[in-house]
Protein backbone atom coordinates (compact mmCIF):
# COMPACT_ATOMS: atom_id res chain seq x y z
CA MET A 1 -0.04 -0.04 0.07
CA SER A 2 1.32 3.51 -0.97
CA ALA A 3 2.41 5.52 1.95
CA ARG A 4 1.28 8.60 0.23
CA LYS A 5 -2.42 7.48 -0.25
CA LYS A 6 -4.19 9.87 1.98
CA THR A 7 -3.89 13.69 1.91
CA GLN A 8 -3.20 15.46 5.22
CA VAL A 9 -6.55 16.40 6.53
CA THR A 10 -5.70 19.88 7.88
CA TRP A 11 -3.72 21.44 5.06
CA GLY A 12 -3.90 18.82 2.21
CA GLY A 13 -6.25 20.52 -0.01
CA ARG A 14 -3.93 21.59 -2.89
CA PHE A 15 -1.97 18.27 -2.64
CA GLN A 16 -2.62 15.17 -4.58
CA ALA A 17 -1.52 12.80 -1.88
CA GLY A 18 -0.44 12.97 1.65
CA PRO A 19 3.07 13.01 3.05
CA ALA A 20 5.25 10.04 2.87
CA LYS A 21 5.37 8.11 6.14
CA LEU A 22 9.09 9.04 6.57
CA MET A 23 8.13 12.60 6.13
CA LEU A 24 5.53 12.30 8.89
CA SER A 25 7.78 10.68 11.27
CA PHE A 26 10.51 13.31 10.52
CA GLY A 27 8.20 16.27 10.64
CA GLU A 28 5.75 15.52 13.50
CA SER A 29 5.90 17.56 16.67
CA VAL A 30 3.01 15.94 18.72
CA SER A 31 5.40 13.55 20.38
CA PHE A 32 6.88 16.48 22.41
CA ASP A 33 4.49 19.34 21.94
CA TYR A 34 1.54 17.43 23.38
CA ARG A 35 2.63 19.03 26.58
CA LEU A 36 1.18 22.26 25.48
CA TRP A 37 -2.31 20.89 25.50
CA ALA A 38 -3.66 22.65 28.48
CA GLN A 39 -2.31 26.05 26.88
CA ASP A 40 -3.81 25.07 23.63
CA ILE A 41 -7.28 24.52 25.11
CA ARG A 42 -7.20 27.74 27.05
CA GLY A 43 -6.22 29.54 23.69
CA SER A 44 -8.85 27.94 21.80
CA LYS A 45 -11.43 28.58 24.48
CA ALA A 46 -10.58 32.35 24.35
CA HIS A 47 -10.46 32.39 20.67
CA ALA A 48 -13.99 30.74 20.49
CA GLN A 49 -15.36 33.32 22.91
CA MET A 50 -13.97 36.22 20.84
CA LEU A 51 -15.35 34.70 17.59
CA ALA A 52 -18.90 34.34 19.20
CA LYS A 53 -18.45 38.11 20.25
CA VAL A 54 -17.93 39.20 16.66
CA GLY A 55 -20.49 37.17 15.32
CA ILE A 56 -18.61 34.52 13.55
CA LEU A 57 -19.81 31.94 15.89
CA THR A 58 -23.20 31.56 17.13
CA SER A 59 -23.86 31.53 21.11
CA ALA A 60 -24.81 28.07 20.68
CA GLU A 61 -21.75 26.96 18.44
CA CYS A 62 -19.65 28.82 21.02
CA LYS A 63 -21.16 26.82 23.99
CA ALA A 64 -20.66 23.60 22.25
CA ILE A 65 -17.23 24.22 21.37
CA LEU A 66 -16.23 24.99 25.03
CA LYS A 67 -18.08 21.89 26.22
CA GLY A 68 -16.18 19.83 23.74
CA LEU A 69 -12.81 21.38 24.86
CA ASP A 70 -13.61 20.61 28.37
CA VAL A 71 -14.38 16.89 27.45
CA ILE A 72 -11.11 16.73 25.64
CA ALA A 73 -9.20 18.27 28.49
CA ARG A 74 -10.59 15.55 30.76
CA GLU A 75 -9.80 12.86 28.49
CA ILE A 76 -6.12 14.11 28.13
CA SER A 77 -5.70 14.37 31.75
CA GLN A 78 -6.89 11.11 32.48
CA GLY A 79 -4.71 9.62 29.76
CA LYS A 80 -7.56 8.53 27.50
CA PHE A 81 -6.90 10.72 24.55
CA LYS A 82 -5.14 9.16 21.51
CA TRP A 83 -2.39 11.26 20.10
CA GLN A 84 -2.15 10.71 16.31
CA GLN A 85 1.14 11.36 14.47
CA GLU A 86 -0.45 11.83 11.12
CA LEU A 87 -2.06 15.19 12.57
CA GLU A 88 1.39 16.41 13.21
CA ASP A 89 1.02 18.42 16.35
CA VAL A 90 -0.95 19.28 19.42
CA HIS A 91 -3.17 21.94 17.57
CA MET A 92 -4.36 19.66 14.87
CA ASN A 93 -4.85 16.68 17.32
CA ILE A 94 -7.12 18.56 19.66
CA GLU A 95 -8.98 20.33 16.74
CA SER A 96 -9.54 17.01 14.76
CA ALA A 97 -10.97 15.38 17.90
CA LEU A 98 -13.09 18.49 18.71
CA THR A 99 -14.49 18.60 15.31
CA LYS A 100 -15.66 14.99 15.47
CA LYS A 101 -17.38 15.85 18.67
CA VAL A 102 -18.59 19.05 17.87
CA PRO A 103 -19.18 20.00 13.98
CA ALA A 104 -19.17 23.70 14.52
CA ALA A 105 -15.59 23.40 15.60
CA ALA A 106 -14.84 23.56 11.90
CA LYS A 107 -15.03 27.14 12.32
CA LEU A 108 -12.64 27.43 15.19
CA HIS A 109 -9.62 27.92 13.21
CA THR A 110 -11.05 31.09 11.48
CA ALA A 111 -8.67 34.14 11.86
CA ARG A 112 -6.03 32.01 13.32
CA SER A 113 -3.02 30.11 12.05
CA ARG A 114 -0.75 27.38 13.78
CA ASN A 115 1.85 30.15 13.64
CA ASP A 116 0.16 32.43 16.14
CA GLN A 117 -1.45 29.67 17.79
CA VAL A 118 1.78 27.96 18.81
CA ALA A 119 3.37 31.24 19.77
CA THR A 120 0.58 31.83 22.08
CA ASP A 121 0.61 28.36 23.60
CA VAL A 122 4.35 28.77 24.34
CA ARG A 123 3.93 32.17 26.07
CA LEU A 124 1.10 30.76 28.31
CA TRP A 125 3.53 27.82 29.12
CA LEU A 126 6.40 30.03 29.89
CA LYS A 127 4.44 32.20 32.04
CA ASP A 128 3.28 29.09 34.08
CA GLN A 129 6.95 27.69 34.21
CA CYS A 130 8.21 31.10 35.35
CA GLN A 131 5.65 30.95 38.47
CA ALA A 132 6.81 27.43 39.11
CA VAL A 133 10.43 28.42 38.92
CA ASP A 134 9.73 31.38 41.33
CA ASP A 135 8.20 29.05 43.78
CA ALA A 136 11.09 26.62 43.61
CA LEU A 137 13.51 29.71 44.12
CA ALA A 138 11.78 30.95 47.01
CA GLY A 139 11.97 27.64 48.68
CA LEU A 140 15.67 27.32 47.98
CA LEU A 141 16.11 30.90 49.28
CA LYS A 142 14.40 30.09 52.50
CA THR A 143 16.54 27.04 53.05
CA LEU A 144 19.76 28.85 52.57
CA VAL A 145 18.76 31.89 54.94
CA ASN A 146 17.47 29.09 57.50
CA LEU A 147 20.83 27.39 57.23
CA ALA A 148 22.95 30.65 57.47
CA GLN A 149 21.00 31.55 60.56
CA SER A 150 21.63 28.31 62.31
CA ASN A 151 25.31 28.48 61.60
CA ALA A 152 25.75 32.16 61.93
CA ASP A 153 28.62 31.50 64.58
CA VAL A 154 30.50 29.07 62.32
CA ILE A 155 33.64 30.54 61.00
CA LEU A 156 35.68 28.99 58.16
CA PRO A 157 38.24 30.13 55.47
CA GLY A 158 37.11 32.06 52.65
CA TYR A 159 39.02 31.22 49.49
CA THR A 160 40.39 32.99 46.43
CA HIS A 161 42.19 30.87 43.84
CA LEU A 162 40.98 28.01 46.12
CA GLN A 163 43.85 29.09 48.52
CA ARG A 164 42.83 30.28 51.96
CA ALA A 165 42.20 34.08 52.00
CA GLN A 166 40.42 35.46 54.92
CA PRO A 167 38.11 34.35 57.51
CA VAL A 168 34.49 34.48 56.70
CA SER A 169 31.20 33.00 58.52
CA VAL A 170 29.28 30.15 57.03
CA ALA A 171 26.44 32.52 57.15
CA HIS A 172 27.94 35.09 55.19
CA HIS A 173 29.27 32.69 52.63
CA LEU A 174 25.69 31.20 52.26
CA LEU A 175 24.24 34.73 52.09
CA ALA A 176 26.31 35.15 48.80
CA TYR A 177 24.31 32.36 47.27
CA VAL A 178 21.05 34.09 48.41
CA GLU A 179 22.16 37.17 46.48
CA MET A 180 22.60 34.97 43.33
CA PHE A 181 19.48 33.14 43.39
CA SER A 182 17.50 36.29 44.28
CA ARG A 183 19.04 37.80 40.92
CA ASP A 184 17.89 34.67 39.28
CA GLN A 185 14.29 35.15 40.64
CA ARG A 186 14.31 38.65 39.32
CA ARG A 187 15.42 37.39 35.78
CA PHE A 188 12.62 34.77 35.69
CA HIS A 189 10.20 37.80 36.61
CA GLN A 190 11.66 39.68 33.57
CA VAL A 191 11.15 36.59 31.45
CA TYR A 192 7.44 36.43 32.53
CA GLN A 193 6.96 40.09 31.55
CA SER A 194 8.69 39.51 28.20
CA ALA A 195 6.23 36.54 27.60
CA ASN A 196 3.22 38.52 28.87
CA TRP A 197 2.08 39.55 25.30
CA CYS A 198 -0.60 37.94 23.20
CA PRO A 199 0.48 37.04 19.65
CA LEU A 200 -3.06 35.43 18.83
CA GLY A 201 -4.70 37.22 16.00
CA SER A 202 -1.42 37.90 14.04
CA GLY A 203 -2.38 34.78 11.79
CA ALA A 204 0.26 33.22 9.67
CA ILE A 205 2.01 36.53 9.00
CA ALA A 206 -0.25 39.49 8.27
CA GLY A 207 -3.31 38.95 10.40
CA THR A 208 -6.92 38.79 9.00
CA THR A 209 -9.45 40.73 7.37
CA LEU A 210 -12.02 39.41 9.69
CA PRO A 211 -13.30 41.66 12.39
CA ILE A 212 -11.56 40.05 15.45
CA GLN A 213 -10.81 41.62 18.66
CA ARG A 214 -7.40 40.89 19.90
CA GLU A 215 -7.59 42.77 23.18
CA MET A 216 -10.49 40.72 24.19
CA THR A 217 -8.58 37.36 23.55
CA ALA A 218 -5.48 38.76 25.43
CA LYS A 219 -7.72 39.69 28.41
CA LEU A 220 -9.26 36.45 28.56
CA LEU A 221 -5.90 34.64 28.49
CA GLY A 222 -4.49 36.91 31.19
CA PHE A 223 -2.03 38.67 28.99
CA VAL A 224 -2.61 41.99 30.97
CA ASP A 225 -0.36 44.68 32.55
CA GLU A 226 -0.40 45.39 36.37
CA ARG A 227 -3.50 47.43 35.90
CA GLY A 228 -5.39 44.63 33.87
CA ARG A 229 -5.01 46.20 30.64
CA PRO A 230 -4.55 43.78 27.66
CA GLN A 231 -1.15 43.59 25.97
CA VAL A 232 -1.06 42.36 22.34
CA THR A 233 1.90 42.03 20.36
CA SER A 234 2.17 45.22 17.76
CA ASN A 235 3.62 43.62 14.74
CA SER A 236 2.26 40.45 13.24
CA MET A 237 5.46 39.21 11.64
CA ASP A 238 7.57 39.52 14.76
CA ALA A 239 4.92 38.03 16.74
CA VAL A 240 4.80 34.75 14.88
CA ALA A 241 8.71 34.74 14.31
CA ASP A 242 9.81 35.97 17.81
CA ARG A 243 11.41 33.29 20.22
CA ASP A 244 12.95 35.80 22.37
CA PRO A 245 11.00 34.69 25.56
CA ALA A 246 11.95 31.11 24.99
CA THR A 247 15.50 32.05 24.63
CA GLU A 248 15.48 34.44 27.62
CA PHE A 249 13.95 31.59 29.81
CA CYS A 250 16.95 29.31 28.72
CA PHE A 251 19.39 32.10 29.60
CA ALA A 252 17.81 32.63 32.97
CA ALA A 253 18.07 28.72 33.36
CA ALA A 254 21.60 28.67 32.28
CA LEU A 255 22.59 31.43 34.65
CA CYS A 256 20.73 29.67 37.48
CA GLY A 257 22.51 26.49 36.50
CA VAL A 258 25.79 28.13 36.88
CA HIS A 259 24.89 29.41 40.41
CA LEU A 260 23.55 26.00 41.44
CA SER A 261 27.03 24.58 39.92
CA ARG A 262 29.12 26.84 42.07
CA LEU A 263 27.21 26.23 45.16
CA ALA A 264 27.71 22.35 44.29
CA GLU A 265 31.37 22.60 43.91
CA ASP A 266 31.46 24.40 47.39
CA MET A 267 29.45 21.63 48.90
CA VAL A 268 31.74 18.99 47.14
CA LEU A 269 34.75 20.41 48.64
CA TRP A 270 33.56 21.07 51.99
CA SER A 271 32.20 17.64 52.37
CA SER A 272 35.54 15.89 51.40
CA ALA A 273 37.94 14.66 53.90
CA GLU A 274 40.50 17.20 53.14
CA PHE A 275 38.03 19.93 54.08
CA GLY A 276 35.59 18.41 56.53
CA PHE A 277 33.70 21.33 56.99
CA ALA A 278 30.18 19.78 56.06
CA ARG A 279 28.21 16.76 55.82
CA MET A 280 25.30 16.21 53.31
CA PRO A 281 22.29 13.97 54.30
CA ASP A 282 22.52 10.38 53.58
CA ALA A 283 19.33 10.52 51.31
CA PHE A 284 21.20 12.70 48.83
CA SER A 285 24.56 10.96 49.05
CA THR A 286 25.69 7.63 47.53
CA GLY A 287 28.19 4.83 47.96
CA SER A 288 30.49 2.86 45.84
CA SER A 289 29.96 -0.38 44.18
CA LEU A 290 33.48 -1.41 45.21
CA MET A 291 34.80 0.67 48.08
CA PRO A 292 32.70 0.28 51.27
CA GLN A 293 33.94 3.32 53.05
CA LYS A 294 32.94 5.76 50.16
CA ARG A 295 30.20 8.55 50.71
CA ASN A 296 29.78 10.38 47.44
CA PRO A 297 28.21 13.89 46.94
CA ASP A 298 26.36 12.73 44.05
CA SER A 299 23.48 15.09 44.22
CA MET A 300 25.88 18.14 44.07
CA GLU A 301 28.15 16.55 41.15
CA LEU A 302 24.69 15.98 39.26
CA LEU A 303 23.95 19.68 39.80
CA ARG A 304 27.23 20.56 38.20
CA GLY A 305 26.40 18.49 35.42
CA LYS A 306 22.94 20.04 34.95
CA ALA A 307 24.73 23.33 34.25
CA ALA A 308 25.98 22.23 31.09
CA ARG A 309 22.60 21.05 30.02
CA PHE A 310 21.00 24.30 30.59
CA GLN A 311 23.83 26.10 28.65
CA ALA A 312 23.27 23.53 25.63
CA ALA A 313 19.52 24.68 25.73
CA LEU A 314 20.49 28.18 25.51
CA VAL A 315 22.92 27.49 22.58
CA HIS A 316 20.37 25.41 20.87
CA LEU A 317 17.85 28.33 20.79
CA LEU A 318 20.31 30.80 19.71
CA SER A 319 21.62 28.68 17.00
CA LEU A 320 18.13 27.75 15.86
CA THR A 321 16.89 31.40 15.40
CA LYS A 322 20.26 32.48 14.07
CA GLY A 323 19.74 33.61 10.25
CA LEU A 324 16.19 32.78 10.08
CA PRO A 325 14.19 34.89 7.61
CA LEU A 326 11.00 36.39 8.56
CA THR A 327 8.66 35.06 9.55
CA TYR A 328 7.74 31.39 10.36
CA ASN A 329 10.13 28.47 9.29
CA ARG A 330 9.71 25.18 10.29
CA ASP A 331 12.86 25.13 12.00
CA LEU A 332 11.26 26.83 14.93
CA GLN A 333 9.54 23.54 15.68
CA ASP A 334 12.60 22.31 17.22
CA ASP A 335 12.77 24.95 19.99
CA LYS A 336 10.58 22.95 22.17
CA PRO A 337 12.61 20.00 23.19
CA ALA A 338 15.31 22.08 24.45
CA LEU A 339 13.05 24.52 26.19
CA PHE A 340 10.93 21.79 27.90
CA ASP A 341 14.18 20.01 29.22
CA ALA A 342 15.61 23.06 30.51
CA ALA A 343 12.51 23.84 32.27
CA ASP A 344 12.02 20.44 33.68
CA GLN A 345 15.74 19.93 34.76
CA LEU A 346 15.73 23.24 36.43
CA LEU A 347 12.93 22.51 38.51
CA LEU A 348 14.16 19.23 39.45
CA SER A 349 17.66 20.72 40.17
CA LEU A 350 16.25 23.41 42.58
CA ALA A 351 14.18 20.80 44.53
CA VAL A 352 17.34 18.53 44.97
CA ALA A 353 19.47 21.41 46.00
CA THR A 354 16.80 22.62 48.54
CA ALA A 355 16.30 19.19 49.85
CA THR A 356 20.06 18.40 50.09
CA LEU A 357 20.93 21.83 51.95
CA SER A 358 17.97 21.11 54.47
CA GLY A 359 19.70 18.26 55.77
CA THR A 360 23.32 19.72 55.54
CA LYS A 361 25.31 19.91 58.94
CA PHE A 362 28.48 21.78 59.43
CA HIS A 363 31.28 20.79 61.62
CA LYS A 364 31.78 23.81 63.74
CA ASP A 365 35.32 22.66 65.03
CA LYS A 366 37.04 21.75 61.87
CA CYS A 367 35.75 24.91 60.21
CA LEU A 368 37.24 26.89 63.21
CA ALA A 369 40.57 25.00 63.15
CA ALA A 370 40.82 25.79 59.60
CA ALA A 371 40.00 29.51 60.05
CA ALA A 372 42.25 29.93 62.95
CA ASP A 373 45.42 30.02 60.67
CA PRO A 374 46.88 33.22 61.53
CA ALA A 375 47.89 33.82 57.93
CA LEU A 376 44.20 34.57 57.19
CA LEU A 377 44.51 37.67 59.01
CA ALA A 378 47.63 38.93 57.15
CA THR A 379 45.50 41.60 55.56
CA ASP A 380 44.21 42.72 58.95
CA LEU A 381 47.82 43.30 60.10
CA ALA A 382 48.59 45.40 57.02
CA ASP A 383 45.75 47.45 58.01
CA TRP A 384 47.08 47.87 61.61
CA LEU A 385 50.16 49.30 59.77
CA VAL A 386 48.08 51.48 57.79
CA LYS A 387 46.46 52.95 60.93
CA LYS A 388 50.07 53.59 62.17
CA GLY A 389 50.53 55.93 59.05
CA MET A 390 52.12 53.62 56.73
CA PRO A 391 51.01 53.69 52.99
CA PHE A 392 49.04 50.38 52.16
CA ARG A 393 51.35 49.54 49.40
CA HIS A 394 54.44 49.68 51.92
CA ALA A 395 52.35 47.85 54.60
CA HIS A 396 51.57 45.06 52.14
CA HIS A 397 55.39 44.57 51.45
CA ALA A 398 56.13 44.69 55.09
CA VAL A 399 53.60 41.86 56.01
CA GLY A 400 54.77 40.02 53.02
CA ARG A 401 58.35 40.08 54.58
CA LEU A 402 56.91 38.90 57.72
CA VAL A 403 55.04 36.03 56.16
CA ALA A 404 58.12 34.93 54.37
CA LEU A 405 60.14 35.01 57.47
CA ALA A 406 57.51 32.90 59.36
CA GLU A 407 57.52 30.35 56.41
CA LYS A 408 61.37 30.00 56.33
CA LEU A 409 61.37 29.29 60.05
CA GLY A 410 58.28 26.90 59.95
CA VAL A 411 56.44 28.80 62.74
CA PRO A 412 52.83 30.41 62.60
CA LEU A 413 52.77 34.26 61.67
CA ASN A 414 51.73 35.21 65.10
CA GLN A 415 54.47 33.12 66.82
CA LEU A 416 57.55 35.21 65.55
CA SER A 417 59.24 37.03 68.24
CA ASP A 418 59.09 40.93 68.53
CA ALA A 419 62.63 41.18 67.49
CA GLN A 420 61.97 38.98 64.48
CA ALA A 421 58.88 41.27 63.47
CA LEU A 422 61.12 44.30 63.78
CA GLN A 423 63.25 42.88 61.18
CA ALA A 424 60.52 42.93 58.78
CA ASP A 425 59.72 46.53 59.30
CA LYS A 426 60.29 48.95 62.35
CA LEU A 427 56.67 49.67 62.80
CA PHE A 428 55.95 46.41 64.02
CA THR A 429 56.00 47.63 67.68
CA SER A 430 54.28 45.88 70.52
CA GLY A 431 50.80 45.08 70.10
CA TRP A 432 50.88 43.63 66.54
CA ARG A 433 49.95 40.22 67.67
CA ASP A 434 46.57 41.54 69.00
CA VAL A 435 45.44 41.47 65.43
CA PHE A 436 45.43 37.78 65.38
CA ASN A 437 41.97 37.54 67.18
CA LEU A 438 39.05 36.25 65.08
CA GLN A 439 36.47 38.04 67.25
CA ARG A 440 38.34 41.34 66.79
CA ALA A 441 38.52 40.80 63.09
CA PHE A 442 34.80 40.15 62.67
CA ALA A 443 33.94 43.03 64.99
CA ALA A 444 36.06 45.28 62.77
CA ARG A 445 33.86 44.20 59.75
CA GLU A 446 30.37 45.57 60.78
CA LYS A 447 30.04 47.89 57.75
CA SER A 448 27.58 47.27 54.84
CA GLY A 449 28.01 43.95 52.94
CA MET A 450 30.71 42.72 55.45
CA PRO A 451 30.78 39.68 57.40
CA GLY A 452 30.68 41.17 60.86
CA PRO A 453 28.06 39.20 63.00
CA LYS A 454 25.86 42.10 63.47
CA THR A 455 25.72 42.96 59.88
CA VAL A 456 24.93 39.37 58.87
CA ALA A 457 22.25 39.11 61.30
CA LYS A 458 20.54 42.15 59.96
CA GLN A 459 20.89 40.51 56.57
CA ILE A 460 19.42 37.24 57.58
CA ALA A 461 16.56 39.21 59.22
CA LEU A 462 16.01 41.17 56.21
CA TRP A 463 15.83 38.25 54.10
CA LYS A 464 13.65 36.36 56.37
CA LYS A 465 11.07 39.19 56.26
CA ARG A 466 11.40 39.30 52.18
CA LEU A 467 10.63 35.83 51.87
CA LYS A 468 7.77 35.35 54.17
């Protein structure tokens, strides 16, 4: 039997035969865009109500269509709907099934194209996803703030170049990630606003000659500003060709993934025997199939790996749209697998990060032992010289000479004698060892953005208030 026996029922009027089976398999999108079914039904409902308002559908036809769409929605949600590859996509599957139930549904595609239909569906889906990501980020932020509060008195070394630099508190360190993820929240809010413009009514490229009311459809679908005013796209060509909101979502996901990856790397290091600062919960650690003693930070390692996946989705969207002529091209169909994957994996990653951190414990004694290295307060000693009138560059060299002497003699910096200190610089008079006191060092850092205990406590209180 010929694979091109039957024409395509939705667009096959000018063709003698339907597409080859291979072409159907190659060109279908319903295997992944079926996920837009809820948004597609929402769009069709709004479109039907608008068509009724302008007189293209009768009131009875509109009611029948809305009822039929509700029936299909139930069938899909209950897993009873049969998706058909030969109908290519989610739009035609739903429309075909609806028309069998409600003959008047043959009018439903009036004044719309799959081009503006899918653009609308994706924007609705993006708004839903942005809200879900916002909720997930809020959960992670609360967990980080609570973990910071419960470890406010735990001091550990801060690192630059992965070398011990200066002492900080665990709380100050964790609050750095709170800042990062709060910026991610703002980025997803911006993606939401970018997606919050209704393309429906743009048609295939140049709108329609029919008397539609795009603002009504936009309002029904929730494409409104903060004052409830409808927001519709202003250029029909851009509306159907634009994939900026999807690309922006992938960018926001990629950058959030970078932040998750950096947090994960800190946790991997801190939970190693070499650092010994933290212990992650058993439920998010694994063992080795060979070595019984192993306790691997797999959840954090996988988070690092997901970061590459989010970046791949972003590159996919950027590469997909690079060089495409206006307006719609079939290439754009391939935006969804990467977009869907980015959203799925981001929500999963945020959930795993939140759960792992919720059960993480810090080893206060080990952290303090590492932070007690007097070399971490070498900069404070330079500041002490500055207060005595020495230019900072000279003070930096003077302390550097002192550090070199301590290394040569194999003793901690604060255990050099006064006479040895004076060899480094004559301003190392009595009192220089007083600098090597962690409480003093933190008390001296009570300015905005610094790790002083009072400053950190204020930041924790501020974030707890924001995240209520």
